[in-house]
Amino acid sequence: MSESDRRISLTTDSLLLIVGLSLILLMLWQLRGLILILMSAIVLAASIAPIVNQLEQWRLPRWLGVLVAYGGLLAILTGASLLVGPLVISQIQTLLRQLPNLVERVELLSIDIAEQLDLQDSPLLPQLVNPQEVAGWVINTSQQLLRQSYGITRGILGGFFSVVLGLLLSSYLVADSKTLGRGFVRLFAAPWDDRLAALLGPVGQRMGAYIRGRVLVSLLLGIAIALGLRTLGLGDYAIGLGAIAGFTNLIPFLGPFLGAIPALFVALAQGDSAWLFLWVLLLFVIIQNLESYVLDPLLVGAAVGIHPLYQLLAVLGGVQLLGIVGAVIAPPWIAGGALLLERLYLQPKDLAKQGLPSEATQP
């Protein structure tokens, strides 16, 4: 074969490779709704698997342990929805109905503060303090995130079907995890199959530990904020604002700030002075510090195992691609990927530099 033929053959192969990869990426993009559900199901399965494993150690058949674990989860969610759900929805609806009045009160308060500081004639005041624009930005941003999250899954058959499908997939993953794991690692050549098989358990443990800790921390934080706001005199909205803060706290880094904005806005509108706003701000600062220095180390620990900057980038990327759901499930996936990178590449590389045999196959 001549040199020109080899160049043409290489160019043709490269072109076919590019076309094939492009088709695969296009297919994955079209199936992004299903991929999101599968990723969420894997995270949920990793969170519930330790409970099923414990039930199996107690001589309970694995399929029955799956039924007990998921039945208990559904019972807890249903009970909480029936007990607290109506009140949370009622308070949030009341807050939305009162939003125009709250915006007007914030405007009047800002004008009063400007008069006390002799800034009422300053041309910078409308640019620095514009409650309508702030409220509009919060509402538009929230709506955009919700539409993006819903738009990812609506192509399958709707949000309800997606939740049911995710639960079914995760339960099947837990029930038949060993068979599925063996089938997955068989796709890789030796010695990578044995190395991956040894790491499936630790990866699942790290992903599950993170999401369990995150949910528990958010639940405690939501309850603490609701009680604190009720004590400060915002009882009409305390549970609703606490639920918002707890839900947004599932999103690392960005969630605490997003959850504090509605409560601070209501405090500024409800108070006759800035003192209520300052007390609510102090409440959020204290609770966030308790979360950062007490709850997170105890309940989440080093489950992610990567630098906070990379975690933040993962959250931002998850929001950009998949909305709120992506921000929640991105960190556990990054945690699992970081463990694979550490055990399969970084540790063997360091051992090779020291002239020691590789321990990549150890869990």
Protein backbone atom coordinates (compact mmCIF):
# COMPACT_ATOMS: atom_id res chain seq x y z
CA MET A 1 0.00 0.00 0.00
CA SER A 2 1.39 3.39 -0.98
CA GLU A 3 1.92 6.29 1.41
CA SER A 4 -1.02 8.20 -0.12
CA ASP A 5 -3.32 5.16 0.33
CA ARG A 6 -2.34 4.92 3.98
CA ARG A 7 -3.09 8.60 4.46
CA ILE A 8 -6.49 8.24 2.78
CA SER A 9 -7.28 5.12 4.83
CA LEU A 10 -6.31 6.87 8.05
CA THR A 11 -8.42 9.89 7.14
CA THR A 12 -11.42 7.69 6.32
CA ASP A 13 -11.12 5.77 9.60
CA SER A 14 -10.85 9.02 11.53
CA LEU A 15 -13.90 10.40 9.75
CA LEU A 16 -15.92 7.27 10.53
CA LEU A 17 -14.80 7.45 14.15
CA ILE A 18 -15.90 11.10 14.40
CA VAL A 19 -19.27 10.33 12.80
CA GLY A 20 -19.80 7.35 15.10
CA LEU A 21 -18.97 9.35 18.22
CA SER A 22 -21.23 12.17 17.06
CA LEU A 23 -24.12 9.75 16.57
CA ILE A 24 -23.54 8.25 20.02
CA LEU A 25 -23.48 11.71 21.63
CA LEU A 26 -26.65 12.66 19.76
CA MET A 27 -28.38 9.49 20.92
CA LEU A 28 -27.30 10.09 24.53
CA TRP A 29 -28.62 13.65 24.33
CA GLN A 30 -31.97 12.42 23.05
CA LEU A 31 -32.06 9.90 25.92
CA ARG A 32 -30.96 12.44 28.56
CA GLY A 33 -34.30 12.16 30.39
CA LEU A 34 -33.89 8.41 30.82
CA ILE A 35 -30.20 8.84 31.71
CA LEU A 36 -31.14 11.35 34.42
CA ILE A 37 -33.66 8.90 35.89
CA LEU A 38 -31.08 6.10 35.79
CA MET A 39 -28.44 8.27 37.49
CA SER A 40 -30.95 9.25 40.19
CA ALA A 41 -31.97 5.61 40.62
CA ILE A 42 -28.35 4.55 41.12
CA VAL A 43 -27.85 7.24 43.78
CA LEU A 44 -31.05 6.15 45.55
CA ALA A 45 -30.03 2.50 45.34
CA ALA A 46 -26.62 3.29 46.84
CA SER A 47 -28.38 5.08 49.71
CA ILE A 48 -30.79 2.24 50.53
CA ALA A 49 -28.46 -0.71 49.86
CA PRO A 50 -26.91 -0.72 53.39
CA ILE A 51 -30.38 -1.15 54.93
CA VAL A 52 -31.13 -4.09 52.64
CA ASN A 53 -27.71 -5.60 53.34
CA GLN A 54 -28.37 -5.38 57.08
CA LEU A 55 -31.77 -7.05 56.68
CA GLU A 56 -30.12 -9.78 54.62
CA GLN A 57 -27.63 -10.39 57.45
CA TRP A 58 -30.63 -10.90 59.70
CA ARG A 59 -31.60 -13.91 57.51
CA LEU A 60 -34.27 -11.98 55.60
CA PRO A 61 -34.42 -12.83 51.87
CA ARG A 62 -33.00 -10.01 49.79
CA TRP A 63 -36.17 -9.48 47.76
CA LEU A 64 -38.16 -9.20 50.99
CA GLY A 65 -35.58 -6.80 52.43
CA VAL A 66 -36.02 -4.61 49.33
CA LEU A 67 -39.79 -4.59 49.84
CA VAL A 68 -39.41 -3.70 53.51
CA ALA A 69 -36.88 -0.92 52.84
CA TYR A 70 -38.79 0.72 50.00
CA GLY A 71 -42.12 0.18 51.72
CA GLY A 72 -40.78 1.93 54.81
CA LEU A 73 -39.41 4.78 52.69
CA LEU A 74 -42.75 5.27 50.93
CA ALA A 75 -44.61 5.09 54.26
CA ILE A 76 -42.37 7.78 55.77
CA LEU A 77 -42.73 10.05 52.74
CA THR A 78 -46.49 9.55 52.60
CA GLY A 79 -46.91 10.20 56.32
CA ALA A 80 -44.79 13.34 56.20
CA SER A 81 -46.69 14.59 53.16
CA LEU A 82 -50.05 14.06 54.86
CA LEU A 83 -48.96 15.60 58.16
CA VAL A 84 -46.89 18.58 57.04
CA GLY A 85 -47.50 18.86 53.30
CA PRO A 86 -50.84 20.74 53.40
CA LEU A 87 -49.49 23.29 55.87
CA VAL A 88 -46.31 23.84 53.86
CA ILE A 89 -48.27 24.31 50.63
CA SER A 90 -50.76 26.64 52.34
CA GLN A 91 -48.02 28.86 53.77
CA ILE A 92 -46.12 29.03 50.48
CA GLN A 93 -49.33 29.93 48.63
CA THR A 94 -50.06 32.62 51.21
CA LEU A 95 -46.53 33.94 50.79
CA LEU A 96 -46.95 34.14 47.02
CA ARG A 97 -50.30 35.92 47.35
CA GLN A 98 -48.79 38.43 49.76
CA LEU A 99 -45.71 38.99 47.61
CA PRO A 100 -46.91 42.28 46.01
CA ASN A 101 -47.72 43.69 49.48
CA LEU A 102 -44.36 42.53 50.80
CA VAL A 103 -42.56 44.19 47.90
CA GLU A 104 -44.43 47.44 48.57
CA ARG A 105 -43.53 47.35 52.28
CA VAL A 106 -39.87 46.76 51.45
CA GLU A 107 -39.94 49.75 49.12
CA LEU A 108 -41.44 51.96 51.84
CA LEU A 109 -38.86 50.71 54.33
CA SER A 110 -36.01 51.43 51.92
CA ILE A 111 -37.34 54.95 51.34
CA ASP A 112 -37.58 55.49 55.11
CA ILE A 113 -34.00 54.32 55.61
CA ALA A 114 -32.85 56.59 52.77
CA GLU A 115 -34.55 59.58 54.40
CA GLN A 116 -32.88 58.84 57.72
CA LEU A 117 -29.51 58.70 55.97
CA ASP A 118 -30.35 61.74 53.84
CA LEU A 119 -29.98 59.75 50.63
CA GLN A 120 -33.46 60.22 49.20
CA ASP A 121 -32.21 62.53 46.43
CA SER A 122 -29.31 60.29 45.46
CA PRO A 123 -29.53 58.94 41.88
CA LEU A 124 -27.83 55.73 43.02
CA LEU A 125 -30.66 54.73 45.37
CA PRO A 126 -32.97 53.20 42.72
CA GLN A 127 -30.04 51.21 41.37
CA LEU A 128 -28.86 49.94 44.76
CA VAL A 129 -32.24 49.21 46.33
CA ASN A 130 -34.93 47.91 44.01
CA PRO A 131 -37.07 45.27 45.77
CA GLN A 132 -39.21 44.65 42.70
CA GLU A 133 -36.19 43.68 40.63
CA VAL A 134 -34.82 41.49 43.45
CA ALA A 135 -38.17 39.70 43.91
CA GLY A 136 -38.56 39.35 40.16
CA TRP A 137 -35.06 37.88 39.83
CA VAL A 138 -35.72 35.33 42.59
CA ILE A 139 -39.05 34.26 41.08
CA ASN A 140 -37.73 34.10 37.50
CA THR A 141 -34.63 32.17 38.54
CA SER A 142 -36.69 29.65 40.53
CA GLN A 143 -39.15 29.21 37.68
CA GLN A 144 -36.33 28.73 35.19
CA LEU A 145 -34.67 26.04 37.34
CA LEU A 146 -37.98 24.24 37.86
CA ARG A 147 -38.83 24.40 34.15
CA GLN A 148 -35.38 23.10 33.25
CA SER A 149 -35.63 20.24 35.75
CA TYR A 150 -39.13 19.36 34.57
CA GLY A 151 -38.20 19.70 30.91
CA ILE A 152 -35.51 17.04 31.28
CA THR A 153 -38.04 14.40 32.34
CA ARG A 154 -41.30 15.44 30.72
CA GLY A 155 -40.46 13.64 27.46
CA ILE A 156 -40.81 10.24 29.12
CA LEU A 157 -44.43 10.48 30.35
CA GLY A 158 -44.42 13.15 33.00
CA GLY A 159 -42.92 13.75 36.39
CA PHE A 160 -45.01 11.17 38.23
CA PHE A 161 -44.06 8.38 35.87
CA SER A 162 -40.41 9.43 36.20
CA VAL A 163 -40.56 9.11 39.99
CA VAL A 164 -42.23 5.70 39.78
CA LEU A 165 -39.72 4.55 37.16
CA GLY A 166 -36.82 5.78 39.28
CA LEU A 167 -38.09 3.87 42.32
CA LEU A 168 -38.59 0.70 40.30
CA LEU A 169 -35.14 0.95 38.73
CA SER A 170 -33.44 1.60 42.06
CA SER A 171 -35.26 -1.30 43.74
CA TYR A 172 -34.21 -3.63 40.93
CA LEU A 173 -30.62 -2.38 41.20
CA VAL A 174 -30.59 -3.14 44.93
CA ALA A 175 -32.31 -6.51 44.61
CA ASP A 176 -29.98 -7.83 41.89
CA SER A 177 -26.89 -5.73 42.57
CA LYS A 178 -24.43 -8.63 42.57
CA THR A 179 -25.53 -10.01 39.21
CA LEU A 180 -25.65 -6.55 37.63
CA GLY A 181 -22.21 -5.72 39.03
CA ARG A 182 -20.67 -8.91 37.64
CA GLY A 183 -22.25 -8.23 34.25
CA PHE A 184 -20.90 -4.68 34.22
CA VAL A 185 -17.28 -5.54 35.05
CA ARG A 186 -17.26 -8.30 32.42
CA LEU A 187 -17.36 -5.56 29.80
CA PHE A 188 -13.75 -4.67 30.69
CA ALA A 189 -10.61 -6.61 29.87
CA ALA A 190 -8.28 -8.05 32.50
CA PRO A 191 -6.96 -6.81 34.85
CA TRP A 192 -9.45 -3.92 34.88
CA ASP A 193 -12.41 -6.22 35.46
CA ASP A 194 -11.04 -7.45 38.79
CA ARG A 195 -10.03 -3.96 39.85
CA LEU A 196 -13.46 -2.53 39.08
CA ALA A 197 -15.19 -5.44 40.80
CA ALA A 198 -13.20 -4.70 43.96
CA LEU A 199 -14.21 -1.02 43.81
CA LEU A 200 -17.96 -1.34 43.17
CA GLY A 201 -18.68 -1.72 46.88
CA PRO A 202 -16.58 1.25 48.08
CA VAL A 203 -17.94 3.48 45.31
CA GLY A 204 -21.52 2.63 46.26
CA GLN A 205 -20.76 3.20 49.94
CA ARG A 206 -19.28 6.64 49.25
CA MET A 207 -22.20 7.72 47.04
CA GLY A 208 -24.78 6.42 49.50
CA ALA A 209 -23.07 7.92 52.55
CA TYR A 210 -23.03 11.34 50.94
CA ILE A 211 -26.70 11.43 49.94
CA ARG A 212 -27.92 9.98 53.27
CA GLY A 213 -25.93 12.55 55.21
CA ARG A 214 -27.06 15.38 52.93
CA VAL A 215 -30.74 14.49 53.34
CA LEU A 216 -30.47 14.17 57.13
CA VAL A 217 -28.58 17.48 57.46
CA SER A 218 -31.15 19.26 55.28
CA LEU A 219 -34.03 17.82 57.32
CA LEU A 220 -32.49 18.98 60.61
CA LEU A 221 -31.66 22.38 59.14
CA GLY A 222 -35.22 22.86 57.83
CA ILE A 223 -36.71 22.01 61.23
CA ALA A 224 -34.28 24.32 63.06
CA ILE A 225 -35.00 27.23 60.72
CA ALA A 226 -38.78 26.72 61.00
CA LEU A 227 -38.57 26.75 64.82
CA GLY A 228 -36.25 29.75 64.79
CA LEU A 229 -38.47 31.79 62.47
CA ARG A 230 -41.52 30.94 64.56
CA THR A 231 -39.69 32.13 67.68
CA LEU A 232 -38.77 35.39 65.93
CA GLY A 233 -42.41 36.13 65.09
CA LEU A 234 -42.73 34.81 61.52
CA GLY A 235 -45.09 31.98 62.47
CA ASP A 236 -47.40 32.59 59.50
CA TYR A 237 -44.63 31.55 57.10
CA ALA A 238 -42.20 29.64 59.36
CA ILE A 239 -42.94 26.09 58.18
CA GLY A 240 -43.08 27.06 54.52
CA LEU A 241 -39.82 29.01 54.72
CA GLY A 242 -38.21 26.18 56.70
CA ALA A 243 -39.28 23.68 54.01
CA ILE A 244 -37.81 25.91 51.30
CA ALA A 245 -34.54 26.26 53.22
CA GLY A 246 -34.35 22.51 53.88
CA PHE A 247 -35.04 21.62 50.25
CA THR A 248 -32.55 24.10 48.81
CA ASN A 249 -29.94 22.92 51.31
CA LEU A 250 -29.78 19.65 49.37
CA ILE A 251 -27.81 21.70 46.82
CA PRO A 252 -24.27 22.14 48.17
CA PHE A 253 -22.78 25.66 48.38
CA LEU A 254 -25.61 27.45 46.54
CA GLY A 255 -28.54 25.98 48.48
CA PRO A 256 -28.05 27.80 51.82
CA PHE A 257 -27.99 31.20 50.09
CA LEU A 258 -31.05 30.39 47.97
CA GLY A 259 -32.94 29.21 51.06
CA ALA A 260 -32.11 32.34 53.04
CA ILE A 261 -33.33 34.85 50.44
CA PRO A 262 -37.13 34.29 50.92
CA ALA A 263 -36.87 34.38 54.73
CA LEU A 264 -34.77 37.56 54.72
CA PHE A 265 -37.15 39.20 52.26
CA VAL A 266 -40.18 38.37 54.43
CA ALA A 267 -38.37 39.57 57.56
CA LEU A 268 -37.53 42.88 55.89
CA ALA A 269 -41.16 43.32 54.81
CA GLN A 270 -42.78 42.18 58.07
CA GLY A 271 -40.60 44.10 60.52
CA ASP A 272 -41.22 47.70 61.52
CA SER A 273 -37.47 48.21 61.45
CA ALA A 274 -34.35 46.44 60.30
CA TRP A 275 -34.00 44.54 63.59
CA LEU A 276 -36.14 41.57 62.51
CA PHE A 277 -34.10 41.31 59.32
CA LEU A 278 -30.88 41.29 61.35
CA TRP A 279 -32.22 38.66 63.76
CA VAL A 280 -33.25 36.39 60.87
CA LEU A 281 -29.87 36.94 59.22
CA LEU A 282 -28.17 36.01 62.50
CA LEU A 283 -30.35 32.89 62.74
CA PHE A 284 -29.24 31.71 59.30
CA VAL A 285 -25.59 32.51 60.03
CA ILE A 286 -25.66 30.50 63.27
CA ILE A 287 -27.45 27.52 61.72
CA GLN A 288 -25.17 27.48 58.67
CA ASN A 289 -22.11 27.52 60.91
CA LEU A 290 -23.54 24.64 62.94
CA GLU A 291 -24.07 22.78 59.69
CA SER A 292 -20.59 23.50 58.37
CA TYR A 293 -18.65 22.73 61.56
CA VAL A 294 -20.84 20.19 63.38
CA LEU A 295 -23.51 18.47 61.25
CA ASP A 296 -21.58 18.08 58.01
CA PRO A 297 -18.45 16.57 59.65
CA LEU A 298 -20.60 14.18 61.72
CA LEU A 299 -23.26 13.13 59.18
CA VAL A 300 -21.63 13.70 55.80
CA GLY A 301 -17.98 13.54 56.74
CA ALA A 302 -15.46 13.12 53.94
CA ALA A 303 -17.91 11.19 51.77
CA VAL A 304 -17.15 13.29 48.69
CA GLY A 305 -13.38 13.21 49.11
CA ILE A 306 -12.58 15.94 46.57
CA HIS A 307 -11.63 19.60 46.78
CA PRO A 308 -14.56 21.99 47.45
CA LEU A 309 -13.78 23.89 44.24
CA TYR A 310 -14.40 20.76 42.16
CA GLN A 311 -17.59 20.12 44.11
CA LEU A 312 -18.78 23.64 43.32
CA LEU A 313 -17.98 23.19 39.64
CA ALA A 314 -19.89 19.89 39.68
CA VAL A 315 -22.93 21.60 41.23
CA LEU A 316 -22.82 24.44 38.69
CA GLY A 317 -22.47 21.97 35.84
CA GLY A 318 -25.34 19.89 37.18
CA VAL A 319 -27.57 22.97 37.39
CA GLN A 320 -26.64 24.02 33.87
CA LEU A 321 -27.32 20.62 32.32
CA LEU A 322 -30.07 19.08 34.45
CA GLY A 323 -31.51 21.81 36.65
CA ILE A 324 -32.11 21.31 40.37
CA VAL A 325 -32.03 17.52 40.08
CA GLY A 326 -28.59 17.71 38.50
CA ALA A 327 -27.28 19.88 41.33
CA VAL A 328 -28.43 17.26 43.87
CA ILE A 329 -27.12 14.12 42.14
CA ALA A 330 -23.89 15.54 40.71
CA PRO A 331 -21.84 15.50 43.99
CA PRO A 332 -22.37 11.77 44.77
CA TRP A 333 -21.40 10.88 41.20
CA ILE A 334 -18.31 13.07 41.50
CA ALA A 335 -17.56 11.32 44.80
CA GLY A 336 -17.70 7.90 43.15
CA GLY A 337 -15.64 9.06 40.19
CA ALA A 338 -13.03 10.57 42.52
CA LEU A 339 -12.65 7.24 44.31
CA LEU A 340 -12.17 5.40 41.00
CA LEU A 341 -9.58 7.97 39.89
CA GLU A 342 -7.74 7.66 43.20
CA ARG A 343 -7.66 3.86 43.35
CA LEU A 344 -7.14 3.08 39.66
CA TYR A 345 -4.72 5.84 38.67
CA LEU A 346 -3.31 8.05 41.42
CA GLN A 347 -2.37 5.36 43.95
CA PRO A 348 -0.78 3.01 41.35
CA LYS A 349 1.15 5.97 39.92
CA ASP A 350 2.50 6.94 43.35
CA LEU A 351 3.43 3.33 44.11
CA ALA A 352 5.19 3.04 40.75
CA LYS A 353 7.28 6.12 41.57
CA GLN A 354 8.32 4.47 44.84
CA GLY A 355 9.13 1.21 43.07
CA LEU A 356 6.42 -0.69 44.98
CA PRO A 357 3.91 -3.17 43.48
CA SER A 358 0.52 -1.74 42.58
CA GLU A 359 -2.33 -2.17 45.06
CA ALA A 360 -5.09 -1.06 42.72
CA THR A 361 -6.99 -4.27 43.22
CA GLN A 362 -7.43 -3.67 46.93
CA PRO A 363 -10.81 -2.12 47.95
